[in-house]
Amino acid sequence: MVTPESVERYIREGMPCEHVQVQGDGAHFDAIIVSAEFRGRNRVQQHQVVYRALGDRMREEIHALSMQTLTPEQWAERQSSSGSGRVG
């Protein structure tokens, strides 16, 4: 059975990433992927980069993958804005 950890490892081995987070149930997975490879690419092109990194595993092992693809700059912005307005 494919695990979220194995999907994360496949992505990290197939492309340079600053951050990868994968959750799932063995058939369906949700991923957040941060990579400089996404700079200057539209969303479809970014997803194609990930699909290439996963190769045949997308057809054979991983049945569904929903992903958010972000550049390092977008990720940093998201991280800084997620902490604003909170009272500690």
PDB file of N, CA and C in Angstrom:
ATOM      1  N   MET A   1       0.838  -1.189   0.000  1.00  0.00           N
ATOM      2  CA  MET A   1       0.000   0.000   0.000  1.00  0.00           C
ATOM      3  C   MET A   1       0.880   1.249   0.000  1.00  0.00           C
ATOM      4  N   VAL A   2       0.490   2.215  -0.768  1.00  0.00           N
ATOM      5  CA  VAL A   2       1.223   3.476  -0.845  1.00  0.00           C
ATOM      6  C   VAL A   2       0.845   4.315   0.372  1.00  0.00           C
ATOM      7  N   THR A   3       1.846   4.906   1.001  1.00  0.00           N
ATOM      8  CA  THR A   3       1.623   5.748   2.171  1.00  0.00           C
ATOM      9  C   THR A   3       1.898   7.211   1.824  1.00  0.00           C
ATOM     10  N   PRO A   4       1.376   8.143   2.615  1.00  0.00           N
ATOM     11  CA  PRO A   4       1.717   9.551   2.386  1.00  0.00           C
ATOM     12  C   PRO A   4       3.229   9.782   2.424  1.00  0.00           C
ATOM     13  N   GLU A   5       3.918   9.069   3.307  1.00  0.00           N
ATOM     14  CA  GLU A   5       5.372   9.213   3.413  1.00  0.00           C
ATOM     15  C   GLU A   5       6.075   8.760   2.137  1.00  0.00           C
ATOM     16  N   SER A   6       5.584   7.688   1.521  1.00  0.00           N
ATOM     17  CA  SER A   6       6.224   7.216   0.283  1.00  0.00           C
ATOM     18  C   SER A   6       5.947   8.187  -0.866  1.00  0.00           C
ATOM     19  N   VAL A   7       4.741   8.766  -0.932  1.00  0.00           N
ATOM     20  CA  VAL A   7       4.451   9.751  -1.974  1.00  0.00           C
ATOM     21  C   VAL A   7       5.361  10.959  -1.791  1.00  0.00           C
ATOM     22  N   GLU A   8       5.516  11.402  -0.553  1.00  0.00           N
ATOM     23  CA  GLU A   8       6.413  12.527  -0.277  1.00  0.00           C
ATOM     24  C   GLU A   8       7.837  12.198  -0.720  1.00  0.00           C
ATOM     25  N   ARG A   9       8.293  10.995  -0.413  1.00  0.00           N
ATOM     26  CA  ARG A   9       9.647  10.582  -0.812  1.00  0.00           C
ATOM     27  C   ARG A   9       9.788  10.557  -2.337  1.00  0.00           C
ATOM     28  N   TYR A  10       8.792  10.033  -3.039  1.00  0.00           N
ATOM     29  CA  TYR A  10       8.831   9.994  -4.503  1.00  0.00           C
ATOM     30  C   TYR A  10       8.965  11.408  -5.081  1.00  0.00           C
ATOM     31  N   ILE A  11       8.203  12.348  -4.532  1.00  0.00           N
ATOM     32  CA  ILE A  11       8.255  13.726  -5.028  1.00  0.00           C
ATOM     33  C   ILE A  11       9.627  14.323  -4.759  1.00  0.00           C
ATOM     34  N   ARG A  12      10.121  14.161  -3.528  1.00  0.00           N
ATOM     35  CA  ARG A  12      11.437  14.720  -3.168  1.00  0.00           C
ATOM     36  C   ARG A  12      12.565  14.122  -4.006  1.00  0.00           C
ATOM     37  N   GLU A  13      12.464  12.838  -4.332  1.00  0.00           N
ATOM     38  CA  GLU A  13      13.496  12.183  -5.139  1.00  0.00           C
ATOM     39  C   GLU A  13      13.428  12.619  -6.600  1.00  0.00           C
ATOM     40  N   GLY A  14      12.235  13.027  -7.061  1.00  0.00           N
ATOM     41  CA  GLY A  14      12.041  13.340  -8.467  1.00  0.00           C
ATOM     42  C   GLY A  14      12.237  14.794  -8.846  1.00  0.00           C
ATOM     43  N   MET A  15      12.292  15.686  -7.843  1.00  0.00           N
ATOM     44  CA  MET A  15      12.428  17.111  -8.154  1.00  0.00           C
ATOM     45  C   MET A  15      12.942  17.853  -6.917  1.00  0.00           C
ATOM     46  N   PRO A  16      13.607  18.993  -7.131  1.00  0.00           N
ATOM     47  CA  PRO A  16      14.065  19.777  -5.984  1.00  0.00           C
ATOM     48  C   PRO A  16      12.878  20.469  -5.301  1.00  0.00           C
ATOM     49  N   CYS A  17      12.790  20.294  -3.984  1.00  0.00           N
ATOM     50  CA  CYS A  17      11.675  20.871  -3.222  1.00  0.00           C
ATOM     51  C   CYS A  17      12.196  21.521  -1.950  1.00  0.00           C
ATOM     52  N   GLU A  18      11.584  22.629  -1.596  1.00  0.00           N
ATOM     53  CA  GLU A  18      11.891  23.266  -0.327  1.00  0.00           C
ATOM     54  C   GLU A  18      11.002  22.717   0.782  1.00  0.00           C
ATOM     55  N   HIS A  19       9.799  22.293   0.407  1.00  0.00           N
ATOM     56  CA  HIS A  19       8.844  21.763   1.388  1.00  0.00           C
ATOM     57  C   HIS A  19       7.874  20.838   0.665  1.00  0.00           C
ATOM     58  N   VAL A  20       7.600  19.698   1.277  1.00  0.00           N
ATOM     59  CA  VAL A  20       6.574  18.786   0.760  1.00  0.00           C
ATOM     60  C   VAL A  20       5.810  18.240   1.963  1.00  0.00           C
ATOM     61  N   GLN A  21       4.495  18.282   1.863  1.00  0.00           N
ATOM     62  CA  GLN A  21       3.632  17.742   2.920  1.00  0.00           C
ATOM     63  C   GLN A  21       2.537  16.952   2.224  1.00  0.00           C
ATOM     64  N   VAL A  22       2.393  15.680   2.586  1.00  0.00           N
ATOM     65  CA  VAL A  22       1.406  14.819   1.940  1.00  0.00           C
ATOM     66  C   VAL A  22       0.547  14.146   3.004  1.00  0.00           C
ATOM     67  N   GLN A  23      -0.748  14.138   2.762  1.00  0.00           N
ATOM     68  CA  GLN A  23      -1.698  13.411   3.603  1.00  0.00           C
ATOM     69  C   GLN A  23      -2.522  12.523   2.688  1.00  0.00           C
ATOM     70  N   GLY A  24      -3.000  11.407   3.230  1.00  0.00           N
ATOM     71  CA  GLY A  24      -3.839  10.559   2.395  1.00  0.00           C
ATOM     72  C   GLY A  24      -4.188   9.252   3.052  1.00  0.00           C
ATOM     73  N   ASP A  25      -4.965   8.459   2.322  1.00  0.00           N
ATOM     74  CA  ASP A  25      -5.497   7.210   2.869  1.00  0.00           C
ATOM     75  C   ASP A  25      -5.001   5.963   2.129  1.00  0.00           C
ATOM     76  N   GLY A  26      -4.004   6.112   1.306  1.00  0.00           N
ATOM     77  CA  GLY A  26      -3.490   4.961   0.567  1.00  0.00           C
ATOM     78  C   GLY A  26      -3.912   4.938  -0.888  1.00  0.00           C
ATOM     79  N   ALA A  27      -4.976   5.656  -1.217  1.00  0.00           N
ATOM     80  CA  ALA A  27      -5.431   5.745  -2.604  1.00  0.00           C
ATOM     81  C   ALA A  27      -5.553   7.199  -3.039  1.00  0.00           C
ATOM     82  N   HIS A  28      -6.043   8.045  -2.147  1.00  0.00           N
ATOM     83  CA  HIS A  28      -6.238   9.461  -2.444  1.00  0.00           C
ATOM     84  C   HIS A  28      -5.319  10.280  -1.552  1.00  0.00           C
ATOM     85  N   PHE A  29      -4.623  11.235  -2.175  1.00  0.00           N
ATOM     86  CA  PHE A  29      -3.635  12.023  -1.440  1.00  0.00           C
ATOM     87  C   PHE A  29      -3.814  13.515  -1.709  1.00  0.00           C
ATOM     88  N   ASP A  30      -3.481  14.311  -0.696  1.00  0.00           N
ATOM     89  CA  ASP A  30      -3.446  15.768  -0.805  1.00  0.00           C
ATOM     90  C   ASP A  30      -2.015  16.193  -0.501  1.00  0.00           C
ATOM     91  N   ALA A  31      -1.453  17.069  -1.335  1.00  0.00           N
ATOM     92  CA  ALA A  31      -0.070  17.486  -1.158  1.00  0.00           C
ATOM     93  C   ALA A  31       0.084  18.995  -1.259  1.00  0.00           C
ATOM     94  N   ILE A  32       0.994  19.521  -0.456  1.00  0.00           N
ATOM     95  CA  ILE A  32       1.488  20.887  -0.600  1.00  0.00           C
ATOM     96  C   ILE A  32       2.947  20.744  -1.014  1.00  0.00           C
ATOM     97  N   ILE A  33       3.297  21.337  -2.151  1.00  0.00           N
ATOM     98  CA  ILE A  33       4.643  21.194  -2.694  1.00  0.00           C
ATOM     99  C   ILE A  33       5.197  22.580  -2.980  1.00  0.00           C
ATOM    100  N   VAL A  34       6.358  22.861  -2.403  1.00  0.00           N
ATOM    101  CA  VAL A  34       7.013  24.156  -2.588  1.00  0.00           C
ATOM    102  C   VAL A  34       8.321  23.911  -3.325  1.00  0.00           C
ATOM    103  N   SER A  35       8.489  24.569  -4.478  1.00  0.00           N
ATOM    104  CA  SER A  35       9.697  24.367  -5.278  1.00  0.00           C
ATOM    105  C   SER A  35       9.993  25.588  -6.138  1.00  0.00           C
ATOM    106  N   ALA A  36      11.260  25.901  -6.262  1.00  0.00           N
ATOM    107  CA  ALA A  36      11.685  26.963  -7.170  1.00  0.00           C
ATOM    108  C   ALA A  36      11.415  26.576  -8.623  1.00  0.00           C
ATOM    109  N   GLU A  37      11.225  25.293  -8.879  1.00  0.00           N
ATOM    110  CA  GLU A  37      10.905  24.814 -10.231  1.00  0.00           C
ATOM    111  C   GLU A  37       9.586  25.392 -10.745  1.00  0.00           C
ATOM    112  N   PHE A  38       8.750  25.877  -9.845  1.00  0.00           N
ATOM    113  CA  PHE A  38       7.438  26.394 -10.230  1.00  0.00           C
ATOM    114  C   PHE A  38       7.478  27.853 -10.680  1.00  0.00           C
ATOM    115  N   ARG A  39       8.586  28.529 -10.447  1.00  0.00           N
ATOM    116  CA  ARG A  39       8.678  29.945 -10.833  1.00  0.00           C
ATOM    117  C   ARG A  39       8.458  30.102 -12.333  1.00  0.00           C
ATOM    118  N   GLY A  40       7.618  31.061 -12.704  1.00  0.00           N
ATOM    119  CA  GLY A  40       7.384  31.362 -14.114  1.00  0.00           C
ATOM    120  C   GLY A  40       6.500  30.368 -14.843  1.00  0.00           C
ATOM    121  N   ARG A  41       5.928  29.426 -14.121  1.00  0.00           N
ATOM    122  CA  ARG A  41       5.056  28.424 -14.742  1.00  0.00           C
ATOM    123  C   ARG A  41       3.628  28.627 -14.252  1.00  0.00           C
ATOM    124  N   ASN A  42       2.667  28.348 -15.120  1.00  0.00           N
ATOM    125  CA  ASN A  42       1.277  28.412 -14.679  1.00  0.00           C
ATOM    126  C   ASN A  42       0.939  27.145 -13.893  1.00  0.00           C
ATOM    127  N   ARG A  43      -0.247  27.107 -13.325  1.00  0.00           N
ATOM    128  CA  ARG A  43      -0.653  25.998 -12.448  1.00  0.00           C
ATOM    129  C   ARG A  43      -0.581  24.649 -13.167  1.00  0.00           C
ATOM    130  N   VAL A  44      -1.051  24.586 -14.391  1.00  0.00           N
ATOM    131  CA  VAL A  44      -1.010  23.324 -15.148  1.00  0.00           C
ATOM    132  C   VAL A  44       0.435  22.873 -15.338  1.00  0.00           C
ATOM    133  N   GLN A  45       1.310  23.787 -15.714  1.00  0.00           N
ATOM    134  CA  GLN A  45       2.720  23.445 -15.914  1.00  0.00           C
ATOM    135  C   GLN A  45       3.370  22.997 -14.602  1.00  0.00           C
ATOM    136  N   GLN A  46       2.995  23.632 -13.494  1.00  0.00           N
ATOM    137  CA  GLN A  46       3.531  23.229 -12.186  1.00  0.00           C
ATOM    138  C   GLN A  46       3.119  21.798 -11.861  1.00  0.00           C
ATOM    139  N   HIS A  47       1.856  21.471 -12.116  1.00  0.00           N
ATOM    140  CA  HIS A  47       1.384  20.120 -11.838  1.00  0.00           C
ATOM    141  C   HIS A  47       2.066  19.108 -12.754  1.00  0.00           C
ATOM    142  N   GLN A  48       2.350  19.498 -13.984  1.00  0.00           N
ATOM    143  CA  GLN A  48       3.060  18.606 -14.899  1.00  0.00           C
ATOM    144  C   GLN A  48       4.460  18.289 -14.389  1.00  0.00           C
ATOM    145  N   VAL A  49       5.114  19.261 -13.754  1.00  0.00           N
ATOM    146  CA  VAL A  49       6.439  19.030 -13.160  1.00  0.00           C
ATOM    147  C   VAL A  49       6.332  17.926 -12.106  1.00  0.00           C
ATOM    148  N   VAL A  50       5.303  18.002 -11.274  1.00  0.00           N
ATOM    149  CA  VAL A  50       5.111  16.992 -10.226  1.00  0.00           C
ATOM    150  C   VAL A  50       4.783  15.644 -10.841  1.00  0.00           C
ATOM    151  N   TYR A  51       3.903  15.614 -11.829  1.00  0.00           N
ATOM    152  CA  TYR A  51       3.557  14.350 -12.486  1.00  0.00           C
ATOM    153  C   TYR A  51       4.791  13.699 -13.122  1.00  0.00           C
ATOM    154  N   ARG A  52       5.654  14.505 -13.715  1.00  0.00           N
ATOM    155  CA  ARG A  52       6.899  13.958 -14.287  1.00  0.00           C
ATOM    156  C   ARG A  52       7.770  13.369 -13.183  1.00  0.00           C
ATOM    157  N   ALA A  53       7.825  14.048 -12.038  1.00  0.00           N
ATOM    158  CA  ALA A  53       8.630  13.542 -10.921  1.00  0.00           C
ATOM    159  C   ALA A  53       8.096  12.195 -10.423  1.00  0.00           C
ATOM    160  N   LEU A  54       6.789  12.029 -10.458  1.00  0.00           N
ATOM    161  CA  LEU A  54       6.186  10.780  -9.990  1.00  0.00           C
ATOM    162  C   LEU A  54       6.214   9.689 -11.055  1.00  0.00           C
ATOM    163  N   GLY A  55       6.293  10.082 -12.305  1.00  0.00           N
ATOM    164  CA  GLY A  55       6.407   9.115 -13.398  1.00  0.00           C
ATOM    165  C   GLY A  55       5.273   8.107 -13.424  1.00  0.00           C
ATOM    166  N   ASP A  56       5.620   6.839 -13.659  1.00  0.00           N
ATOM    167  CA  ASP A  56       4.627   5.766 -13.787  1.00  0.00           C
ATOM    168  C   ASP A  56       3.861   5.514 -12.497  1.00  0.00           C
ATOM    169  N   ARG A  57       4.392   5.979 -11.376  1.00  0.00           N
ATOM    170  CA  ARG A  57       3.691   5.771 -10.101  1.00  0.00           C
ATOM    171  C   ARG A  57       2.297   6.412 -10.112  1.00  0.00           C
ATOM    172  N   MET A  58       2.135   7.498 -10.899  1.00  0.00           N
ATOM    173  CA  MET A  58       0.816   8.138 -10.976  1.00  0.00           C
ATOM    174  C   MET A  58      -0.213   7.205 -11.600  1.00  0.00           C
ATOM    175  N   ARG A  59       0.196   6.352 -12.491  1.00  0.00           N
ATOM    176  CA  ARG A  59      -0.740   5.428 -13.140  1.00  0.00           C
ATOM    177  C   ARG A  59      -0.871   4.121 -12.358  1.00  0.00           C
ATOM    178  N   GLU A  60       0.219   3.699 -11.742  1.00  0.00           N
ATOM    179  CA  GLU A  60       0.242   2.366 -11.158  1.00  0.00           C
ATOM    180  C   GLU A  60      -0.057   2.326  -9.665  1.00  0.00           C
ATOM    181  N   GLU A  61       0.413   3.328  -8.904  1.00  0.00           N
ATOM    182  CA  GLU A  61       0.304   3.256  -7.450  1.00  0.00           C
ATOM    183  C   GLU A  61      -0.602   4.328  -6.854  1.00  0.00           C
ATOM    184  N   ILE A  62      -0.542   5.530  -7.407  1.00  0.00           N
ATOM    185  CA  ILE A  62      -1.263   6.661  -6.839  1.00  0.00           C
ATOM    186  C   ILE A  62      -2.500   6.904  -7.696  1.00  0.00           C
ATOM    187  N   HIS A  63      -3.655   6.721  -7.103  1.00  0.00           N
ATOM    188  CA  HIS A  63      -4.892   6.809  -7.874  1.00  0.00           C
ATOM    189  C   HIS A  63      -5.437   8.231  -7.968  1.00  0.00           C
ATOM    190  N   ALA A  64      -5.185   9.037  -6.948  1.00  0.00           N
ATOM    191  CA  ALA A  64      -5.664  10.424  -6.971  1.00  0.00           C
ATOM    192  C   ALA A  64      -4.723  11.295  -6.147  1.00  0.00           C
ATOM    193  N   LEU A  65      -4.320  12.399  -6.734  1.00  0.00           N
ATOM    194  CA  LEU A  65      -3.432  13.340  -6.047  1.00  0.00           C
ATOM    195  C   LEU A  65      -3.952  14.750  -6.275  1.00  0.00           C
ATOM    196  N   SER A  66      -4.369  15.375  -5.194  1.00  0.00           N
ATOM    197  CA  SER A  66      -4.759  16.776  -5.227  1.00  0.00           C
ATOM    198  C   SER A  66      -3.571  17.558  -4.682  1.00  0.00           C
ATOM    199  N   MET A  67      -3.170  18.616  -5.378  1.00  0.00           N
ATOM    200  CA  MET A  67      -1.969  19.318  -4.909  1.00  0.00           C
ATOM    201  C   MET A  67      -2.098  20.824  -4.981  1.00  0.00           C
ATOM    202  N   GLN A  68      -1.417  21.451  -4.047  1.00  0.00           N
ATOM    203  CA  GLN A  68      -1.202  22.892  -4.063  1.00  0.00           C
ATOM    204  C   GLN A  68       0.279  23.068  -4.369  1.00  0.00           C
ATOM    205  N   THR A  69       0.578  23.779  -5.428  1.00  0.00           N
ATOM    206  CA  THR A  69       1.974  24.016  -5.797  1.00  0.00           C
ATOM    207  C   THR A  69       2.284  25.489  -5.580  1.00  0.00           C
ATOM    208  N   LEU A  70       3.394  25.741  -4.898  1.00  0.00           N
ATOM    209  CA  LEU A  70       3.778  27.102  -4.536  1.00  0.00           C
ATOM    210  C   LEU A  70       5.261  27.322  -4.776  1.00  0.00           C
ATOM    211  N   THR A  71       5.608  28.552  -5.160  1.00  0.00           N
ATOM    212  CA  THR A  71       7.018  28.928  -5.211  1.00  0.00           C
ATOM    213  C   THR A  71       7.468  29.202  -3.775  1.00  0.00           C
ATOM    214  N   PRO A  72       8.771  29.234  -3.526  1.00  0.00           N
ATOM    215  CA  PRO A  72       9.242  29.563  -2.174  1.00  0.00           C
ATOM    216  C   PRO A  72       8.725  30.928  -1.690  1.00  0.00           C
ATOM    217  N   GLU A  73       8.590  31.872  -2.608  1.00  0.00           N
ATOM    218  CA  GLU A  73       8.097  33.201  -2.236  1.00  0.00           C
ATOM    219  C   GLU A  73       6.621  33.141  -1.815  1.00  0.00           C
ATOM    220  N   GLN A  74       5.832  32.394  -2.558  1.00  0.00           N
ATOM    221  CA  GLN A  74       4.419  32.240  -2.211  1.00  0.00           C
ATOM    222  C   GLN A  74       4.268  31.527  -0.861  1.00  0.00           C
ATOM    223  N   TRP A  75       5.118  30.535  -0.636  1.00  0.00           N
ATOM    224  CA  TRP A  75       5.081  29.790   0.623  1.00  0.00           C
ATOM    225  C   TRP A  75       5.451  30.708   1.801  1.00  0.00           C
ATOM    226  N   ALA A  76       6.502  31.511   1.624  1.00  0.00           N
ATOM    227  CA  ALA A  76       6.919  32.433   2.687  1.00  0.00           C
ATOM    228  C   ALA A  76       5.816  33.434   2.999  1.00  0.00           C
ATOM    229  N   GLU A  77       5.158  33.922   1.955  1.00  0.00           N
ATOM    230  CA  GLU A  77       4.067  34.869   2.150  1.00  0.00           C
ATOM    231  C   GLU A  77       2.910  34.212   2.901  1.00  0.00           C
ATOM    232  N   ARG A  78       2.604  32.992   2.534  1.00  0.00           N
ATOM    233  CA  ARG A  78       1.525  32.267   3.204  1.00  0.00           C
ATOM    234  C   ARG A  78       1.866  32.022   4.677  1.00  0.00           C
ATOM    235  N   GLN A  79       3.126  31.662   4.927  1.00  0.00           N
ATOM    236  CA  GLN A  79       3.548  31.403   6.300  1.00  0.00           C
ATOM    237  C   GLN A  79       3.490  32.676   7.152  1.00  0.00           C
ATOM    238  N   SER A  80       3.920  33.797   6.588  1.00  0.00           N
ATOM    239  CA  SER A  80       3.920  35.052   7.361  1.00  0.00           C
ATOM    240  C   SER A  80       2.505  35.553   7.577  1.00  0.00           C
ATOM    241  N   SER A  81       1.619  35.362   6.609  1.00  0.00           N
ATOM    242  CA  SER A  81       0.244  35.848   6.772  1.00  0.00           C
ATOM    243  C   SER A  81      -0.570  34.930   7.686  1.00  0.00           C
ATOM    244  N   SER A  82      -0.196  33.665   7.774  1.00  0.00           N
ATOM    245  CA  SER A  82      -0.954  32.760   8.637  1.00  0.00           C
ATOM    246  C   SER A  82      -0.705  33.046  10.114  1.00  0.00           C
ATOM    247  N   GLY A  83       0.402  33.716  10.417  1.00  0.00           N
ATOM    248  CA  GLY A  83       0.699  34.050  11.792  1.00  0.00           C
ATOM    249  C   GLY A  83       0.191  35.408  12.201  1.00  0.00           C
ATOM    250  N   SER A  84      -0.241  36.237  11.249  1.00  0.00           N
ATOM    251  CA  SER A  84      -0.688  37.580  11.587  1.00  0.00           C
ATOM    252  C   SER A  84      -2.088  37.551  12.166  1.00  0.00           C
ATOM    253  N   GLY A  85      -2.315  38.442  13.114  1.00  0.00           N
ATOM    254  CA  GLY A  85      -3.634  38.575  13.692  1.00  0.00           C
ATOM    255  C   GLY A  85      -3.915  37.593  14.816  1.00  0.00           C
ATOM    256  N   ARG A  86      -2.956  36.726  15.099  1.00  0.00           N
ATOM    257  CA  ARG A  86      -3.169  35.761  16.185  1.00  0.00           C
ATOM    258  C   ARG A  86      -2.722  36.374  17.506  1.00  0.00           C
ATOM    259  N   VAL A  87      -3.410  35.993  18.540  1.00  0.00           N
ATOM    260  CA  VAL A  87      -3.016  36.389  19.892  1.00  0.00           C
ATOM    261  C   VAL A  87      -2.445  35.160  20.557  1.00  0.00           C
ATOM    262  N   GLY A  88      -1.203  35.277  21.036  1.00  0.00           N
ATOM    263  CA  GLY A  88      -0.508  34.123  21.587  1.00  0.00           C
ATOM    264  C   GLY A  88      -0.880  33.868  22.956  1.00  0.00           C
TER     265      GLY A  88
END
